[in-house]
N, C-alpha and C. Protein backbone atom coordinates (compact mmCIF):
# COMPACT_ATOMS: atom_id res chain seq x y z
N MET A 1 219.37 133.70 175.90
CA MET A 1 220.68 134.21 175.53
C MET A 1 221.23 133.47 174.32
N ARG A 2 221.00 132.16 174.24
CA ARG A 2 221.47 131.38 173.10
C ARG A 2 220.84 131.85 171.80
N LEU A 3 219.61 132.27 171.85
CA LEU A 3 218.92 132.76 170.66
C LEU A 3 219.42 134.14 170.25
N LEU A 4 219.82 134.93 171.21
CA LEU A 4 220.28 136.29 170.94
C LEU A 4 221.63 136.32 170.21
N THR A 5 222.52 135.39 170.52
CA THR A 5 223.85 135.36 169.89
C THR A 5 223.78 135.17 168.38
N PRO A 6 223.03 134.19 167.83
CA PRO A 6 222.96 134.06 166.37
C PRO A 6 222.32 135.27 165.69
N ILE A 7 221.33 135.85 166.34
CA ILE A 7 220.69 137.04 165.75
C ILE A 7 221.67 138.19 165.70
N LEU A 8 222.43 138.36 166.76
CA LEU A 8 223.45 139.41 166.80
C LEU A 8 224.51 139.19 165.73
N LEU A 9 224.96 137.96 165.55
CA LEU A 9 225.95 137.64 164.53
C LEU A 9 225.41 137.91 163.13
N LEU A 10 224.18 137.55 162.86
CA LEU A 10 223.58 137.82 161.55
C LEU A 10 223.48 139.31 161.29
N THR A 11 223.14 140.07 162.31
CA THR A 11 223.03 141.52 162.17
C THR A 11 224.39 142.14 161.85
N LEU A 12 225.44 141.70 162.53
CA LEU A 12 226.77 142.25 162.31
C LEU A 12 227.34 141.88 160.95
N THR A 13 227.02 140.71 160.43
CA THR A 13 227.56 140.32 159.13
C THR A 13 226.94 141.11 157.99
N GLY A 14 225.83 141.75 158.20
CA GLY A 14 225.17 142.53 157.16
C GLY A 14 225.43 144.01 157.26
N CYS A 15 226.41 144.44 158.04
CA CYS A 15 226.62 145.87 158.29
C CYS A 15 227.43 146.57 157.21
N GLY A 16 227.93 145.84 156.23
CA GLY A 16 228.71 146.48 155.18
C GLY A 16 230.19 146.31 155.35
N TYR A 17 230.63 145.68 156.39
CA TYR A 17 232.06 145.44 156.59
C TYR A 17 232.55 144.50 155.50
N HIS A 18 233.72 144.77 154.97
CA HIS A 18 234.29 143.91 153.94
C HIS A 18 235.81 143.95 154.03
N GLN A 19 236.42 142.98 153.45
CA GLN A 19 237.88 142.92 153.39
C GLN A 19 238.36 143.99 152.43
N ALA A 20 239.43 144.68 152.77
CA ALA A 20 239.98 145.73 151.91
C ALA A 20 240.26 145.18 150.52
N GLY A 21 239.84 145.93 149.52
CA GLY A 21 240.10 145.54 148.14
C GLY A 21 239.01 144.67 147.54
N SER A 22 238.01 144.29 148.33
CA SER A 22 237.00 143.39 147.78
C SER A 22 235.83 144.14 147.15
N ALA A 23 235.56 145.36 147.58
CA ALA A 23 234.48 146.13 146.99
C ALA A 23 235.05 147.00 145.87
N THR A 24 234.26 147.17 144.85
CA THR A 24 234.75 147.98 143.74
C THR A 24 233.58 148.62 142.99
N ASN A 25 233.84 149.78 142.43
CA ASN A 25 232.87 150.43 141.56
C ASN A 25 233.15 150.09 140.11
N ILE A 26 234.23 149.41 139.86
CA ILE A 26 234.66 149.11 138.51
C ILE A 26 234.17 147.71 138.14
N PRO A 27 233.40 147.59 137.07
CA PRO A 27 232.89 146.27 136.67
C PRO A 27 234.02 145.30 136.34
N ALA A 28 233.74 144.03 136.53
CA ALA A 28 234.74 142.99 136.26
C ALA A 28 235.13 142.95 134.78
N SER A 29 234.28 143.45 133.91
CA SER A 29 234.58 143.44 132.48
C SER A 29 235.67 144.44 132.09
N VAL A 30 235.99 145.37 132.99
CA VAL A 30 237.05 146.35 132.71
C VAL A 30 238.40 145.71 132.97
N ARG A 31 239.19 145.62 131.92
CA ARG A 31 240.54 145.06 132.04
C ARG A 31 241.62 146.04 131.60
N THR A 32 241.22 147.02 130.79
CA THR A 32 242.17 148.00 130.26
C THR A 32 241.70 149.40 130.65
N LEU A 33 242.59 150.16 131.29
CA LEU A 33 242.30 151.55 131.66
C LEU A 33 243.20 152.49 130.88
N SER A 34 242.60 153.51 130.34
CA SER A 34 243.35 154.56 129.67
C SER A 34 243.51 155.72 130.66
N VAL A 35 244.74 156.22 130.78
CA VAL A 35 245.00 157.36 131.66
C VAL A 35 245.75 158.41 130.84
N PRO A 36 245.01 159.26 130.12
CA PRO A 36 245.69 160.33 129.38
C PRO A 36 246.25 161.38 130.33
N VAL A 37 247.16 162.19 129.85
CA VAL A 37 247.75 163.25 130.67
C VAL A 37 246.63 164.12 131.22
N PHE A 38 246.70 164.37 132.51
CA PHE A 38 245.69 165.20 133.16
C PHE A 38 245.72 166.60 132.54
N THR A 39 244.58 167.24 132.55
CA THR A 39 244.52 168.63 132.11
C THR A 39 244.76 169.52 133.32
N THR A 40 245.00 170.79 133.06
CA THR A 40 245.25 171.70 134.18
C THR A 40 244.61 173.05 133.93
N ASN A 41 244.09 173.60 135.00
CA ASN A 41 243.60 174.98 135.00
C ASN A 41 244.56 175.87 135.78
N ALA A 42 245.60 175.29 136.33
CA ALA A 42 246.57 176.02 137.15
C ALA A 42 247.69 176.56 136.28
N GLN A 43 248.26 177.65 136.73
CA GLN A 43 249.39 178.25 136.03
C GLN A 43 250.69 177.75 136.66
N ALA A 44 250.86 176.43 136.67
CA ALA A 44 252.05 175.83 137.26
C ALA A 44 252.66 174.88 136.25
N PHE A 45 253.96 174.78 136.29
CA PHE A 45 254.69 173.96 135.34
C PHE A 45 254.74 172.51 135.79
N HIS A 46 254.31 171.61 134.97
CA HIS A 46 254.53 170.17 135.10
C HIS A 46 253.70 169.44 136.15
N THR A 47 252.80 170.12 136.86
CA THR A 47 252.01 169.46 137.90
C THR A 47 251.14 168.37 137.31
N GLU A 48 250.53 168.63 136.17
CA GLU A 48 249.65 167.62 135.56
C GLU A 48 250.42 166.36 135.18
N MET A 49 251.68 166.52 134.77
CA MET A 49 252.51 165.35 134.44
C MET A 49 252.85 164.55 135.70
N ALA A 50 253.19 165.24 136.77
CA ALA A 50 253.51 164.56 138.03
C ALA A 50 252.30 163.77 138.54
N PHE A 51 251.12 164.37 138.47
CA PHE A 51 249.91 163.69 138.93
C PHE A 51 249.56 162.51 138.03
N THR A 52 249.70 162.67 136.74
CA THR A 52 249.41 161.58 135.80
C THR A 52 250.37 160.42 136.02
N GLN A 53 251.65 160.71 136.08
CA GLN A 53 252.65 159.65 136.26
C GLN A 53 252.49 158.93 137.59
N ALA A 54 252.20 159.66 138.65
CA ALA A 54 252.00 159.03 139.96
C ALA A 54 250.77 158.13 139.95
N THR A 55 249.72 158.55 139.28
CA THR A 55 248.50 157.74 139.20
C THR A 55 248.74 156.47 138.39
N ILE A 56 249.45 156.59 137.28
CA ILE A 56 249.77 155.41 136.47
C ILE A 56 250.63 154.44 137.27
N ARG A 57 251.64 154.95 137.98
CA ARG A 57 252.49 154.09 138.82
C ARG A 57 251.65 153.35 139.87
N GLU A 58 250.75 154.08 140.51
CA GLU A 58 249.92 153.48 141.55
C GLU A 58 248.98 152.41 140.97
N LEU A 59 248.40 152.70 139.82
CA LEU A 59 247.53 151.70 139.17
C LEU A 59 248.32 150.47 138.77
N ASN A 60 249.52 150.66 138.24
CA ASN A 60 250.36 149.52 137.85
C ASN A 60 250.79 148.71 139.07
N THR A 61 251.02 149.37 140.19
CA THR A 61 251.49 148.70 141.39
C THR A 61 250.36 147.94 142.10
N ARG A 62 249.18 148.54 142.15
CA ARG A 62 248.11 147.99 142.99
C ARG A 62 247.00 147.26 142.27
N THR A 63 246.99 147.29 140.94
CA THR A 63 245.91 146.63 140.21
C THR A 63 246.47 145.71 139.14
N LYS A 64 245.58 144.92 138.57
CA LYS A 64 245.96 144.04 137.47
C LYS A 64 245.51 144.59 136.12
N TYR A 65 245.01 145.83 136.12
CA TYR A 65 244.56 146.44 134.87
C TYR A 65 245.74 146.69 133.94
N HIS A 66 245.48 146.57 132.66
CA HIS A 66 246.46 146.98 131.65
C HIS A 66 246.26 148.48 131.49
N ILE A 67 247.31 149.25 131.71
CA ILE A 67 247.21 150.71 131.70
C ILE A 67 247.77 151.27 130.39
N LEU A 68 246.95 152.06 129.72
CA LEU A 68 247.37 152.76 128.51
C LEU A 68 247.63 154.21 128.89
N THR A 69 248.71 154.77 128.40
CA THR A 69 249.10 156.13 128.82
C THR A 69 248.60 157.22 127.88
N SER A 70 247.60 156.91 127.12
CA SER A 70 246.99 157.92 126.25
C SER A 70 245.51 157.61 126.13
N ASP A 71 244.77 158.56 125.59
CA ASP A 71 243.34 158.34 125.36
C ASP A 71 243.19 157.34 124.23
N SER A 72 242.49 156.24 124.48
CA SER A 72 242.41 155.18 123.49
C SER A 72 241.01 154.62 123.41
N ASP A 73 240.53 154.40 122.19
CA ASP A 73 239.22 153.79 121.99
C ASP A 73 239.22 152.32 122.37
N SER A 74 240.38 151.70 122.45
CA SER A 74 240.45 150.29 122.79
C SER A 74 240.37 150.03 124.30
N ALA A 75 240.41 151.08 125.11
CA ALA A 75 240.34 150.92 126.56
C ALA A 75 238.90 150.64 126.99
N ASP A 76 238.77 149.82 128.03
CA ASP A 76 237.46 149.54 128.60
C ASP A 76 236.94 150.72 129.43
N ALA A 77 237.86 151.51 129.98
CA ALA A 77 237.50 152.68 130.77
C ALA A 77 238.63 153.70 130.68
N THR A 78 238.27 154.97 130.93
CA THR A 78 239.26 156.05 130.85
C THR A 78 239.18 156.88 132.12
N LEU A 79 240.35 157.16 132.69
CA LEU A 79 240.45 158.00 133.87
C LEU A 79 240.96 159.37 133.45
N HIS A 80 240.10 160.36 133.56
CA HIS A 80 240.47 161.75 133.26
C HIS A 80 240.68 162.50 134.56
N GLY A 81 241.76 163.26 134.62
CA GLY A 81 242.03 164.08 135.80
C GLY A 81 242.24 165.52 135.39
N THR A 82 241.90 166.41 136.30
CA THR A 82 242.10 167.84 136.06
C THR A 82 242.67 168.48 137.32
N ILE A 83 243.77 169.21 137.15
CA ILE A 83 244.32 170.02 138.24
C ILE A 83 243.51 171.31 138.21
N LEU A 84 242.74 171.55 139.25
CA LEU A 84 241.87 172.72 139.28
C LEU A 84 242.61 173.97 139.75
N THR A 85 243.35 173.84 140.85
CA THR A 85 244.09 174.98 141.38
C THR A 85 245.41 174.51 141.97
N GLN A 86 246.36 175.41 141.99
CA GLN A 86 247.63 175.18 142.68
C GLN A 86 248.08 176.51 143.23
N THR A 87 248.23 176.57 144.54
CA THR A 87 248.67 177.80 145.18
C THR A 87 249.86 177.52 146.09
N VAL A 88 250.71 178.51 146.23
CA VAL A 88 251.84 178.45 147.15
C VAL A 88 251.74 179.69 148.03
N ALA A 89 251.72 179.45 149.34
CA ALA A 89 251.61 180.56 150.29
C ALA A 89 252.73 180.47 151.31
N PRO A 90 253.35 181.62 151.65
CA PRO A 90 254.38 181.60 152.68
C PRO A 90 253.77 181.27 154.05
N LEU A 91 254.47 180.45 154.81
CA LEU A 91 253.99 180.08 156.15
C LEU A 91 254.78 180.77 157.25
N THR A 92 256.10 180.73 157.13
CA THR A 92 256.95 181.34 158.16
C THR A 92 257.98 182.24 157.51
N TYR A 93 258.47 183.16 158.32
CA TYR A 93 259.46 184.12 157.84
C TYR A 93 260.68 184.10 158.73
N ASP A 94 261.83 184.36 158.14
CA ASP A 94 263.08 184.50 158.89
C ASP A 94 263.06 185.89 159.51
N GLY A 95 263.17 185.95 160.82
CA GLY A 95 263.10 187.23 161.52
C GLY A 95 264.24 188.17 161.17
N ALA A 96 265.40 187.62 160.86
CA ALA A 96 266.57 188.45 160.57
C ALA A 96 266.51 189.04 159.16
N THR A 97 266.11 188.24 158.19
CA THR A 97 266.13 188.70 156.79
C THR A 97 264.77 189.14 156.28
N GLY A 98 263.70 188.69 156.94
CA GLY A 98 262.36 189.01 156.47
C GLY A 98 261.92 188.14 155.30
N GLN A 99 262.78 187.19 154.89
CA GLN A 99 262.43 186.31 153.78
C GLN A 99 261.59 185.14 154.26
N SER A 100 260.78 184.61 153.37
CA SER A 100 259.98 183.43 153.70
C SER A 100 260.91 182.24 153.92
N SER A 101 260.62 181.45 154.95
CA SER A 101 261.46 180.29 155.22
C SER A 101 260.73 178.97 154.99
N SER A 102 259.40 179.01 154.96
CA SER A 102 258.65 177.80 154.59
C SER A 102 257.37 178.21 153.87
N TYR A 103 256.88 177.27 153.08
CA TYR A 103 255.71 177.52 152.24
C TYR A 103 254.72 176.38 152.37
N LEU A 104 253.49 176.66 152.01
CA LEU A 104 252.45 175.64 151.94
C LEU A 104 251.94 175.61 150.51
N ILE A 105 252.07 174.44 149.88
CA ILE A 105 251.54 174.28 148.53
C ILE A 105 250.21 173.54 148.66
N THR A 106 249.18 174.03 147.98
CA THR A 106 247.85 173.43 148.01
C THR A 106 247.43 173.15 146.57
N ILE A 107 247.05 171.91 146.32
CA ILE A 107 246.63 171.51 144.98
C ILE A 107 245.25 170.88 145.08
N THR A 108 244.34 171.34 144.24
CA THR A 108 242.99 170.80 144.16
C THR A 108 242.83 170.13 142.81
N ALA A 109 242.27 168.93 142.82
CA ALA A 109 242.11 168.17 141.57
C ALA A 109 240.78 167.44 141.57
N LYS A 110 240.37 167.03 140.38
CA LYS A 110 239.19 166.18 140.25
C LYS A 110 239.51 165.06 139.28
N VAL A 111 238.81 163.95 139.43
CA VAL A 111 238.99 162.80 138.55
C VAL A 111 237.63 162.24 138.15
N LEU A 112 237.61 161.66 136.96
CA LEU A 112 236.40 161.05 136.43
C LEU A 112 236.81 159.78 135.69
N LEU A 113 236.25 158.66 136.11
CA LEU A 113 236.47 157.38 135.43
C LEU A 113 235.20 157.02 134.70
N THR A 114 235.30 156.89 133.38
CA THR A 114 234.14 156.55 132.58
C THR A 114 234.37 155.26 131.82
N ALA A 115 233.30 154.50 131.68
CA ALA A 115 233.36 153.27 130.89
C ALA A 115 233.43 153.65 129.42
N HIS A 116 233.75 152.67 128.59
CA HIS A 116 233.86 152.90 127.14
C HIS A 116 232.56 153.47 126.56
N ASP A 117 231.43 153.11 127.16
CA ASP A 117 230.13 153.60 126.67
C ASP A 117 229.75 154.97 127.23
N GLY A 118 230.63 155.57 128.05
CA GLY A 118 230.39 156.90 128.60
C GLY A 118 229.78 156.91 129.99
N HIS A 119 229.40 155.75 130.49
CA HIS A 119 228.81 155.64 131.82
C HIS A 119 229.87 155.99 132.88
N THR A 120 229.50 156.80 133.87
CA THR A 120 230.41 157.19 134.94
C THR A 120 230.57 156.04 135.93
N LEU A 121 231.81 155.61 136.12
CA LEU A 121 232.11 154.53 137.07
C LEU A 121 232.59 155.09 138.41
N TYR A 122 233.26 156.23 138.36
CA TYR A 122 233.80 156.85 139.57
C TYR A 122 234.00 158.33 139.29
N ARG A 123 233.74 159.14 140.33
CA ARG A 123 233.92 160.58 140.18
C ARG A 123 234.22 161.19 141.54
N ASN A 124 235.19 162.07 141.58
CA ASN A 124 235.47 162.86 142.77
C ASN A 124 235.93 164.23 142.30
N ASP A 125 235.15 165.23 142.62
CA ASP A 125 235.43 166.60 142.18
C ASP A 125 236.20 167.42 143.20
N ALA A 126 236.62 166.81 144.30
CA ALA A 126 237.17 167.64 145.37
C ALA A 126 238.34 167.00 146.11
N PHE A 127 239.38 166.62 145.41
CA PHE A 127 240.61 166.19 146.08
C PHE A 127 241.41 167.43 146.41
N VAL A 128 241.75 167.62 147.67
CA VAL A 128 242.57 168.76 148.09
C VAL A 128 243.76 168.21 148.88
N TYR A 129 244.95 168.58 148.45
CA TYR A 129 246.17 168.13 149.11
C TYR A 129 247.07 169.32 149.41
N ARG A 130 247.72 169.23 150.58
CA ARG A 130 248.63 170.29 151.03
C ARG A 130 249.97 169.66 151.42
N GLU A 131 251.02 170.41 151.20
CA GLU A 131 252.35 169.95 151.57
C GLU A 131 253.16 171.18 151.99
N GLN A 132 253.80 171.10 153.13
CA GLN A 132 254.67 172.17 153.59
C GLN A 132 256.10 171.84 153.19
N TYR A 133 256.83 172.85 152.79
CA TYR A 133 258.24 172.64 152.48
C TYR A 133 259.05 173.86 152.88
N GLN A 134 260.32 173.61 153.16
CA GLN A 134 261.25 174.66 153.58
C GLN A 134 261.92 175.26 152.35
N SER A 135 262.14 176.54 152.40
CA SER A 135 262.90 177.17 151.32
C SER A 135 264.38 177.12 151.64
N THR A 136 265.18 177.20 150.61
CA THR A 136 266.62 177.19 150.78
C THR A 136 267.07 178.60 151.15
N GLN A 137 267.80 178.71 152.25
CA GLN A 137 268.25 180.03 152.71
C GLN A 137 269.52 180.47 151.99
N ASP A 138 270.33 179.52 151.55
CA ASP A 138 271.58 179.82 150.87
C ASP A 138 271.28 180.02 149.38
N LEU A 139 271.16 181.25 148.95
CA LEU A 139 270.78 181.52 147.57
C LEU A 139 271.83 181.09 146.55
N SER A 140 273.10 180.95 146.98
CA SER A 140 274.14 180.50 146.05
C SER A 140 273.94 179.01 145.70
N GLY A 141 273.36 178.25 146.62
CA GLY A 141 273.12 176.83 146.36
C GLY A 141 271.63 176.56 146.26
N PHE A 142 270.87 177.51 145.76
CA PHE A 142 269.41 177.46 145.73
C PHE A 142 268.89 176.22 145.00
N ILE A 143 268.03 175.51 145.66
CA ILE A 143 267.36 174.35 145.07
C ILE A 143 265.86 174.62 145.11
N GLN A 144 265.22 174.51 143.99
CA GLN A 144 263.78 174.73 143.90
C GLN A 144 263.06 173.57 144.57
N GLU A 145 262.47 173.81 145.74
CA GLU A 145 261.84 172.74 146.52
C GLU A 145 260.38 172.50 146.15
N ASP A 146 259.73 173.43 145.46
CA ASP A 146 258.30 173.24 145.19
C ASP A 146 258.03 172.06 144.27
N ASN A 147 258.95 171.73 143.36
CA ASN A 147 258.76 170.55 142.50
C ASN A 147 258.76 169.27 143.31
N HIS A 148 259.62 169.20 144.33
CA HIS A 148 259.64 168.02 145.20
C HIS A 148 258.36 167.93 146.00
N ALA A 149 257.85 169.06 146.45
CA ALA A 149 256.59 169.07 147.19
C ALA A 149 255.44 168.62 146.29
N VAL A 150 255.43 169.06 145.04
CA VAL A 150 254.39 168.63 144.08
C VAL A 150 254.46 167.12 143.89
N ASN A 151 255.66 166.57 143.77
CA ASN A 151 255.80 165.12 143.60
C ASN A 151 255.29 164.35 144.82
N ARG A 152 255.54 164.87 146.02
CA ARG A 152 255.02 164.22 147.23
C ARG A 152 253.49 164.29 147.26
N VAL A 153 252.93 165.44 146.90
CA VAL A 153 251.48 165.59 146.85
C VAL A 153 250.90 164.65 145.80
N ALA A 154 251.55 164.54 144.65
CA ALA A 154 251.07 163.67 143.57
C ALA A 154 251.03 162.21 144.03
N LYS A 155 252.02 161.79 144.77
CA LYS A 155 252.05 160.41 145.28
C LYS A 155 250.88 160.17 146.24
N ASP A 156 250.66 161.10 147.15
CA ASP A 156 249.54 160.98 148.10
C ASP A 156 248.20 160.97 147.36
N PHE A 157 248.08 161.85 146.37
CA PHE A 157 246.87 161.93 145.56
C PHE A 157 246.61 160.60 144.85
N ALA A 158 247.63 160.05 144.20
CA ALA A 158 247.48 158.80 143.45
C ALA A 158 247.07 157.66 144.37
N GLN A 159 247.66 157.57 145.54
CA GLN A 159 247.28 156.52 146.49
C GLN A 159 245.82 156.66 146.90
N ALA A 160 245.38 157.89 147.14
CA ALA A 160 243.99 158.13 147.55
C ALA A 160 243.01 157.82 146.42
N VAL A 161 243.34 158.24 145.20
CA VAL A 161 242.45 157.99 144.06
C VAL A 161 242.27 156.50 143.83
N VAL A 162 243.36 155.77 143.78
CA VAL A 162 243.27 154.33 143.51
C VAL A 162 242.55 153.62 144.65
N SER A 163 242.85 153.97 145.87
CA SER A 163 242.14 153.37 147.01
C SER A 163 240.65 153.66 146.94
N ASP A 164 240.31 154.90 146.67
CA ASP A 164 238.90 155.29 146.62
C ASP A 164 238.17 154.57 145.48
N MET A 165 238.81 154.47 144.32
CA MET A 165 238.19 153.77 143.18
C MET A 165 237.97 152.30 143.48
N LEU A 166 238.93 151.65 144.12
CA LEU A 166 238.87 150.22 144.33
C LEU A 166 238.09 149.80 145.56
N GLU A 167 238.11 150.63 146.59
CA GLU A 167 237.58 150.17 147.87
C GLU A 167 236.36 150.92 148.36
N SER A 168 235.91 151.94 147.66
CA SER A 168 234.75 152.67 148.14
C SER A 168 233.48 151.88 147.88
N PHE A 169 232.54 152.04 148.76
CA PHE A 169 231.26 151.36 148.60
C PHE A 169 230.17 152.17 149.23
């Protein structure tokens, strides 16, 4: 039994477990990241800006990288993002008026982090995020809620992208 315990401990230490934030796909030589405005294939207003700004905020908050907000040759790596699709679908209806009372917004995006030499450091072609929101029933005080839903989705997206880039292995 005494011999089995050290062997078991050695086996468990080699299983790939690590402290959060210690594994990275980004080389230590990368100190400056360029994050130009994301491109979009969607016919929606301002979504690419919300996603870009949320990603920059998240990188500034969680990393020590110097973040450039445009495409720059002086950056060690560049993070390109693309909004692939954005759809809004009614979820529920008001029985009395027949109007939609809540919606589901779905946004699909992809990101690519490349080193200055063009080498791919990180790639994810399939980020899909959904957010439900209520519509305003009082049309005299109508507030467009889909922009707020996009901002919430952008925040979730940015957290996932940065976590995945820094902690995936």
